[in-house]
Amino acid sequence: MSSSAEAADQCGGGKTSWPEVVGMSIEEAKKVILKDKPDADIHVLPVGTPVTRDFRPNRVRIFVGTVAQTPHVG
């Protein structure tokens, strides 16, 4: 069984990834994920953040890494 199939089994057969949210704002992505998985415990993390390797069927991690505006002093 593939790892995505195993994840689906452990998640009750539900959706286990959301490629369609790439490029959306965090809030938009959360809405889409919560629509498919209302019990999702969503964690928003900077790209490259170290994470644990334990599997939790309700945890969904969103990794972000785009600078949205010009940083400035002030």
PDB file of N, CA and C in Angstrom:
ATOM      1  N   MET A   1       0.849  -1.182   0.000  1.00  0.00           N
ATOM      2  CA  MET A   1       0.000   0.000   0.000  1.00  0.00           C
ATOM      3  C   MET A   1       0.892   1.242   0.000  1.00  0.00           C
ATOM      4  N   SER A   2       0.548   2.235  -0.789  1.00  0.00           N
ATOM      5  CA  SER A   2       1.351   3.466  -0.855  1.00  0.00           C
ATOM      6  C   SER A   2       1.126   4.300   0.396  1.00  0.00           C
ATOM      7  N   SER A   3       2.049   5.228   0.653  1.00  0.00           N
ATOM      8  CA  SER A   3       1.925   6.048   1.849  1.00  0.00           C
ATOM      9  C   SER A   3       0.666   6.921   1.801  1.00  0.00           C
ATOM     10  N   SER A   4       0.272   7.407   0.619  1.00  0.00           N
ATOM     11  CA  SER A   4      -0.953   8.210   0.541  1.00  0.00           C
ATOM     12  C   SER A   4      -2.184   7.347   0.783  1.00  0.00           C
ATOM     13  N   ALA A   5      -2.146   6.095   0.338  1.00  0.00           N
ATOM     14  CA  ALA A   5      -3.258   5.183   0.605  1.00  0.00           C
ATOM     15  C   ALA A   5      -3.325   4.855   2.090  1.00  0.00           C
ATOM     16  N   GLU A   6      -2.161   4.671   2.728  1.00  0.00           N
ATOM     17  CA  GLU A   6      -2.121   4.424   4.166  1.00  0.00           C
ATOM     18  C   GLU A   6      -2.676   5.617   4.927  1.00  0.00           C
ATOM     19  N   ALA A   7      -2.286   6.817   4.507  1.00  0.00           N
ATOM     20  CA  ALA A   7      -2.778   8.030   5.161  1.00  0.00           C
ATOM     21  C   ALA A   7      -4.292   8.134   5.016  1.00  0.00           C
ATOM     22  N   ALA A   8      -4.810   7.830   3.833  1.00  0.00           N
ATOM     23  CA  ALA A   8      -6.257   7.884   3.615  1.00  0.00           C
ATOM     24  C   ALA A   8      -6.974   6.886   4.517  1.00  0.00           C
ATOM     25  N   ASP A   9      -6.408   5.696   4.663  1.00  0.00           N
ATOM     26  CA  ASP A   9      -6.999   4.698   5.550  1.00  0.00           C
ATOM     27  C   ASP A   9      -7.026   5.206   6.986  1.00  0.00           C
ATOM     28  N   GLN A  10      -5.926   5.792   7.441  1.00  0.00           N
ATOM     29  CA  GLN A  10      -5.842   6.275   8.807  1.00  0.00           C
ATOM     30  C   GLN A  10      -6.706   7.507   9.028  1.00  0.00           C
ATOM     31  N   CYS A  11      -7.068   8.189   7.960  1.00  0.00           N
ATOM     32  CA  CYS A  11      -7.910   9.384   8.055  1.00  0.00           C
ATOM     33  C   CYS A  11      -9.366   9.066   7.766  1.00  0.00           C
ATOM     34  N   GLY A  12      -9.719   7.804   7.751  1.00  0.00           N
ATOM     35  CA  GLY A  12     -11.097   7.418   7.491  1.00  0.00           C
ATOM     36  C   GLY A  12     -11.467   7.480   6.029  1.00  0.00           C
ATOM     37  N   GLY A  13     -10.497   7.391   5.132  1.00  0.00           N
ATOM     38  CA  GLY A  13     -10.771   7.396   3.705  1.00  0.00           C
ATOM     39  C   GLY A  13     -10.949   8.776   3.112  1.00  0.00           C
ATOM     40  N   GLY A  14     -10.771   9.827   3.908  1.00  0.00           N
ATOM     41  CA  GLY A  14     -10.959  11.184   3.410  1.00  0.00           C
ATOM     42  C   GLY A  14      -9.752  11.712   2.660  1.00  0.00           C
ATOM     43  N   LYS A  15      -9.886  12.925   2.217  1.00  0.00           N
ATOM     44  CA  LYS A  15      -8.835  13.597   1.464  1.00  0.00           C
ATOM     45  C   LYS A  15      -7.610  13.821   2.350  1.00  0.00           C
ATOM     46  N   THR A  16      -6.410  13.654   1.783  1.00  0.00           N
ATOM     47  CA  THR A  16      -5.182  13.783   2.563  1.00  0.00           C
ATOM     48  C   THR A  16      -4.223  14.844   2.037  1.00  0.00           C
ATOM     49  N   SER A  17      -4.542  15.509   0.935  1.00  0.00           N
ATOM     50  CA  SER A  17      -3.709  16.603   0.431  1.00  0.00           C
ATOM     51  C   SER A  17      -4.572  17.558  -0.381  1.00  0.00           C
ATOM     52  N   TRP A  18      -4.098  18.795  -0.497  1.00  0.00           N
ATOM     53  CA  TRP A  18      -4.861  19.859  -1.156  1.00  0.00           C
ATOM     54  C   TRP A  18      -3.971  20.653  -2.105  1.00  0.00           C
ATOM     55  N   PRO A  19      -3.561  20.086  -3.221  1.00  0.00           N
ATOM     56  CA  PRO A  19      -2.694  20.824  -4.153  1.00  0.00           C
ATOM     57  C   PRO A  19      -3.381  22.054  -4.740  1.00  0.00           C
ATOM     58  N   GLU A  20      -4.689  22.081  -4.732  1.00  0.00           N
ATOM     59  CA  GLU A  20      -5.421  23.204  -5.314  1.00  0.00           C
ATOM     60  C   GLU A  20      -5.289  24.492  -4.513  1.00  0.00           C
ATOM     61  N   VAL A  21      -4.787  24.441  -3.287  1.00  0.00           N
ATOM     62  CA  VAL A  21      -4.662  25.663  -2.490  1.00  0.00           C
ATOM     63  C   VAL A  21      -3.321  26.371  -2.668  1.00  0.00           C
ATOM     64  N   VAL A  22      -2.398  25.759  -3.395  1.00  0.00           N
ATOM     65  CA  VAL A  22      -1.100  26.399  -3.635  1.00  0.00           C
ATOM     66  C   VAL A  22      -1.338  27.730  -4.347  1.00  0.00           C
ATOM     67  N   GLY A  23      -0.790  28.812  -3.798  1.00  0.00           N
ATOM     68  CA  GLY A  23      -0.962  30.151  -4.367  1.00  0.00           C
ATOM     69  C   GLY A  23      -2.080  30.945  -3.714  1.00  0.00           C
ATOM     70  N   MET A  24      -2.909  30.297  -2.892  1.00  0.00           N
ATOM     71  CA  MET A  24      -3.987  31.006  -2.203  1.00  0.00           C
ATOM     72  C   MET A  24      -3.442  31.677  -0.945  1.00  0.00           C
ATOM     73  N   SER A  25      -4.231  32.602  -0.401  1.00  0.00           N
ATOM     74  CA  SER A  25      -3.879  33.167   0.909  1.00  0.00           C
ATOM     75  C   SER A  25      -4.067  32.074   1.962  1.00  0.00           C
ATOM     76  N   ILE A  26      -3.477  32.284   3.113  1.00  0.00           N
ATOM     77  CA  ILE A  26      -3.607  31.305   4.193  1.00  0.00           C
ATOM     78  C   ILE A  26      -5.070  31.114   4.569  1.00  0.00           C
ATOM     79  N   GLU A  27      -5.797  32.208   4.702  1.00  0.00           N
ATOM     80  CA  GLU A  27      -7.211  32.113   5.096  1.00  0.00           C
ATOM     81  C   GLU A  27      -8.036  31.366   4.052  1.00  0.00           C
ATOM     82  N   GLU A  28      -7.788  31.633   2.764  1.00  0.00           N
ATOM     83  CA  GLU A  28      -8.507  30.910   1.710  1.00  0.00           C
ATOM     84  C   GLU A  28      -8.178  29.416   1.769  1.00  0.00           C
ATOM     85  N   ALA A  29      -6.908  29.102   1.951  1.00  0.00           N
ATOM     86  CA  ALA A  29      -6.491  27.700   2.020  1.00  0.00           C
ATOM     87  C   ALA A  29      -7.142  26.999   3.211  1.00  0.00           C
ATOM     88  N   LYS A  30      -7.187  27.669   4.353  1.00  0.00           N
ATOM     89  CA  LYS A  30      -7.819  27.087   5.532  1.00  0.00           C
ATOM     90  C   LYS A  30      -9.290  26.768   5.258  1.00  0.00           C
ATOM     91  N   LYS A  31      -9.993  27.677   4.597  1.00  0.00           N
ATOM     92  CA  LYS A  31     -11.410  27.451   4.295  1.00  0.00           C
ATOM     93  C   LYS A  31     -11.604  26.215   3.431  1.00  0.00           C
ATOM     94  N   VAL A  32     -10.762  26.071   2.404  1.00  0.00           N
ATOM     95  CA  VAL A  32     -10.868  24.917   1.507  1.00  0.00           C
ATOM     96  C   VAL A  32     -10.597  23.626   2.280  1.00  0.00           C
ATOM     97  N   ILE A  33      -9.543  23.622   3.080  1.00  0.00           N
ATOM     98  CA  ILE A  33      -9.184  22.423   3.843  1.00  0.00           C
ATOM     99  C   ILE A  33     -10.276  22.077   4.842  1.00  0.00           C
ATOM    100  N   LEU A  34     -10.770  23.084   5.567  1.00  0.00           N
ATOM    101  CA  LEU A  34     -11.812  22.829   6.563  1.00  0.00           C
ATOM    102  C   LEU A  34     -13.130  22.383   5.937  1.00  0.00           C
ATOM    103  N   LYS A  35     -13.383  22.786   4.709  1.00  0.00           N
ATOM    104  CA  LYS A  35     -14.585  22.318   4.008  1.00  0.00           C
ATOM    105  C   LYS A  35     -14.508  20.807   3.782  1.00  0.00           C
ATOM    106  N   ASP A  36     -13.316  20.339   3.397  1.00  0.00           N
ATOM    107  CA  ASP A  36     -13.114  18.909   3.157  1.00  0.00           C
ATOM    108  C   ASP A  36     -12.886  18.120   4.439  1.00  0.00           C
ATOM    109  N   LYS A  37     -12.272  18.765   5.441  1.00  0.00           N
ATOM    110  CA  LYS A  37     -11.889  18.080   6.674  1.00  0.00           C
ATOM    111  C   LYS A  37     -12.183  19.002   7.857  1.00  0.00           C
ATOM    112  N   PRO A  38     -13.443  19.046   8.298  1.00  0.00           N
ATOM    113  CA  PRO A  38     -13.846  19.983   9.345  1.00  0.00           C
ATOM    114  C   PRO A  38     -13.098  19.821  10.670  1.00  0.00           C
ATOM    115  N   ASP A  39     -12.558  18.639  10.938  1.00  0.00           N
ATOM    116  CA  ASP A  39     -11.849  18.418  12.198  1.00  0.00           C
ATOM    117  C   ASP A  39     -10.353  18.706  12.094  1.00  0.00           C
ATOM    118  N   ALA A  40      -9.917  19.306  10.976  1.00  0.00           N
ATOM    119  CA  ALA A  40      -8.492  19.561  10.762  1.00  0.00           C
ATOM    120  C   ALA A  40      -7.928  20.510  11.817  1.00  0.00           C
ATOM    121  N   ASP A  41      -6.765  20.143  12.342  1.00  0.00           N
ATOM    122  CA  ASP A  41      -5.990  20.993  13.248  1.00  0.00           C
ATOM    123  C   ASP A  41      -4.884  21.586  12.382  1.00  0.00           C
ATOM    124  N   ILE A  42      -5.115  22.802  11.869  1.00  0.00           N
ATOM    125  CA  ILE A  42      -4.225  23.398  10.871  1.00  0.00           C
ATOM    126  C   ILE A  42      -3.100  24.176  11.548  1.00  0.00           C
ATOM    127  N   HIS A  43      -1.866  23.861  11.132  1.00  0.00           N
ATOM    128  CA  HIS A  43      -0.675  24.538  11.630  1.00  0.00           C
ATOM    129  C   HIS A  43      -0.040  25.276  10.454  1.00  0.00           C
ATOM    130  N   VAL A  44       0.172  26.587  10.590  1.00  0.00           N
ATOM    131  CA  VAL A  44       0.822  27.389   9.559  1.00  0.00           C
ATOM    132  C   VAL A  44       2.260  27.620   9.998  1.00  0.00           C
ATOM    133  N   LEU A  45       3.212  27.200   9.144  1.00  0.00           N
ATOM    134  CA  LEU A  45       4.626  27.231   9.490  1.00  0.00           C
ATOM    135  C   LEU A  45       5.448  27.816   8.350  1.00  0.00           C
ATOM    136  N   PRO A  46       6.543  28.512   8.671  1.00  0.00           N
ATOM    137  CA  PRO A  46       7.445  28.966   7.608  1.00  0.00           C
ATOM    138  C   PRO A  46       8.090  27.764   6.915  1.00  0.00           C
ATOM    139  N   VAL A  47       8.313  27.866   5.626  1.00  0.00           N
ATOM    140  CA  VAL A  47       9.013  26.818   4.882  1.00  0.00           C
ATOM    141  C   VAL A  47      10.354  26.564   5.560  1.00  0.00           C
ATOM    142  N   GLY A  48      10.695  25.305   5.715  1.00  0.00           N
ATOM    143  CA  GLY A  48      11.966  24.940   6.323  1.00  0.00           C
ATOM    144  C   GLY A  48      11.907  24.716   7.823  1.00  0.00           C
ATOM    145  N   THR A  49      10.751  24.972   8.437  1.00  0.00           N
ATOM    146  CA  THR A  49      10.607  24.741   9.869  1.00  0.00           C
ATOM    147  C   THR A  49      10.755  23.253  10.163  1.00  0.00           C
ATOM    148  N   PRO A  50      11.579  22.881  11.138  1.00  0.00           N
ATOM    149  CA  PRO A  50      11.656  21.465  11.499  1.00  0.00           C
ATOM    150  C   PRO A  50      10.326  21.010  12.117  1.00  0.00           C
ATOM    151  N   VAL A  51       9.891  19.837  11.748  1.00  0.00           N
ATOM    152  CA  VAL A  51       8.629  19.294  12.263  1.00  0.00           C
ATOM    153  C   VAL A  51       8.843  17.868  12.745  1.00  0.00           C
ATOM    154  N   THR A  52       7.977  17.431  13.617  1.00  0.00           N
ATOM    155  CA  THR A  52       8.022  16.051  14.083  1.00  0.00           C
ATOM    156  C   THR A  52       7.551  15.132  12.969  1.00  0.00           C
ATOM    157  N   ARG A  53       7.948  13.871  13.025  1.00  0.00           N
ATOM    158  CA  ARG A  53       7.582  12.909  11.986  1.00  0.00           C
ATOM    159  C   ARG A  53       6.408  12.026  12.421  1.00  0.00           C
ATOM    160  N   ASP A  54       5.837  12.303  13.595  1.00  0.00           N
ATOM    161  CA  ASP A  54       4.702  11.508  14.044  1.00  0.00           C
ATOM    162  C   ASP A  54       3.483  11.804  13.179  1.00  0.00           C
ATOM    163  N   PHE A  55       2.631  10.809  12.993  1.00  0.00           N
ATOM    164  CA  PHE A  55       1.441  10.962  12.166  1.00  0.00           C
ATOM    165  C   PHE A  55       0.242  11.236  13.052  1.00  0.00           C
ATOM    166  N   ARG A  56      -0.454  12.339  12.767  1.00  0.00           N
ATOM    167  CA  ARG A  56      -1.714  12.658  13.441  1.00  0.00           C
ATOM    168  C   ARG A  56      -2.748  12.862  12.349  1.00  0.00           C
ATOM    169  N   PRO A  57      -3.786  12.042  12.309  1.00  0.00           N
ATOM    170  CA  PRO A  57      -4.744  12.080  11.200  1.00  0.00           C
ATOM    171  C   PRO A  57      -5.534  13.377  11.062  1.00  0.00           C
ATOM    172  N   ASN A  58      -5.574  14.208  12.099  1.00  0.00           N
ATOM    173  CA  ASN A  58      -6.321  15.465  11.970  1.00  0.00           C
ATOM    174  C   ASN A  58      -5.409  16.680  11.781  1.00  0.00           C
ATOM    175  N   ARG A  59      -4.080  16.485  11.798  1.00  0.00           N
ATOM    176  CA  ARG A  59      -3.155  17.615  11.643  1.00  0.00           C
ATOM    177  C   ARG A  59      -2.888  17.863  10.158  1.00  0.00           C
ATOM    178  N   VAL A  60      -2.997  19.135   9.769  1.00  0.00           N
ATOM    179  CA  VAL A  60      -2.659  19.553   8.413  1.00  0.00           C
ATOM    180  C   VAL A  60      -1.688  20.720   8.550  1.00  0.00           C
ATOM    181  N   ARG A  61      -0.539  20.593   7.918  1.00  0.00           N
ATOM    182  CA  ARG A  61       0.462  21.658   7.976  1.00  0.00           C
ATOM    183  C   ARG A  61       0.462  22.442   6.667  1.00  0.00           C
ATOM    184  N   ILE A  62       0.396  23.769   6.792  1.00  0.00           N
ATOM    185  CA  ILE A  62       0.510  24.664   5.644  1.00  0.00           C
ATOM    186  C   ILE A  62       1.861  25.356   5.778  1.00  0.00           C
ATOM    187  N   PHE A  63       2.721  25.166   4.792  1.00  0.00           N
ATOM    188  CA  PHE A  63       4.035  25.800   4.812  1.00  0.00           C
ATOM    189  C   PHE A  63       4.004  27.031   3.922  1.00  0.00           C
ATOM    190  N   VAL A  64       4.423  28.174   4.479  1.00  0.00           N
ATOM    191  CA  VAL A  64       4.399  29.439   3.743  1.00  0.00           C
ATOM    192  C   VAL A  64       5.816  30.007   3.650  1.00  0.00           C
ATOM    193  N   GLY A  65       6.069  30.780   2.593  1.00  0.00           N
ATOM    194  CA  GLY A  65       7.416  31.308   2.437  1.00  0.00           C
ATOM    195  C   GLY A  65       7.553  32.466   1.484  1.00  0.00           C
ATOM    196  N   THR A  66       6.485  33.174   1.194  1.00  0.00           N
ATOM    197  CA  THR A  66       6.547  34.280   0.250  1.00  0.00           C
ATOM    198  C   THR A  66       6.527  35.611   0.996  1.00  0.00           C
ATOM    199  N   VAL A  67       7.415  36.503   0.625  1.00  0.00           N
ATOM    200  CA  VAL A  67       7.393  37.860   1.182  1.00  0.00           C
ATOM    201  C   VAL A  67       6.343  38.619   0.398  1.00  0.00           C
ATOM    202  N   ALA A  68       5.354  39.163   1.103  1.00  0.00           N
ATOM    203  CA  ALA A  68       4.213  39.798   0.451  1.00  0.00           C
ATOM    204  C   ALA A  68       4.416  41.274   0.174  1.00  0.00           C
ATOM    205  N   GLN A  69       5.245  41.942   0.967  1.00  0.00           N
ATOM    206  CA  GLN A  69       5.494  43.370   0.784  1.00  0.00           C
ATOM    207  C   GLN A  69       6.976  43.648   0.986  1.00  0.00           C
ATOM    208  N   THR A  70       7.395  44.811   0.532  1.00  0.00           N
ATOM    209  CA  THR A  70       8.778  45.213   0.708  1.00  0.00           C
ATOM    210  C   THR A  70       9.060  45.486   2.184  1.00  0.00           C
ATOM    211  N   PRO A  71      10.026  44.792   2.772  1.00  0.00           N
ATOM    212  CA  PRO A  71      10.381  45.112   4.165  1.00  0.00           C
ATOM    213  C   PRO A  71      11.029  46.489   4.233  1.00  0.00           C
ATOM    214  N   HIS A  72      10.734  47.210   5.291  1.00  0.00           N
ATOM    215  CA  HIS A  72      11.331  48.546   5.445  1.00  0.00           C
ATOM    216  C   HIS A  72      11.507  48.879   6.928  1.00  0.00           C
ATOM    217  N   VAL A  73      12.394  49.780   7.183  1.00  0.00           N
ATOM    218  CA  VAL A  73      12.643  50.241   8.531  1.00  0.00           C
ATOM    219  C   VAL A  73      11.547  51.187   8.947  1.00  0.00           C
ATOM    220  N   GLY A  74      11.159  51.154  10.200  1.00  0.00           N
ATOM    221  CA  GLY A  74      10.194  52.126  10.655  1.00  0.00           C
ATOM    222  C   GLY A  74       9.282  51.540  11.607  1.00  0.00           C
TER     223      GLY A  74
END
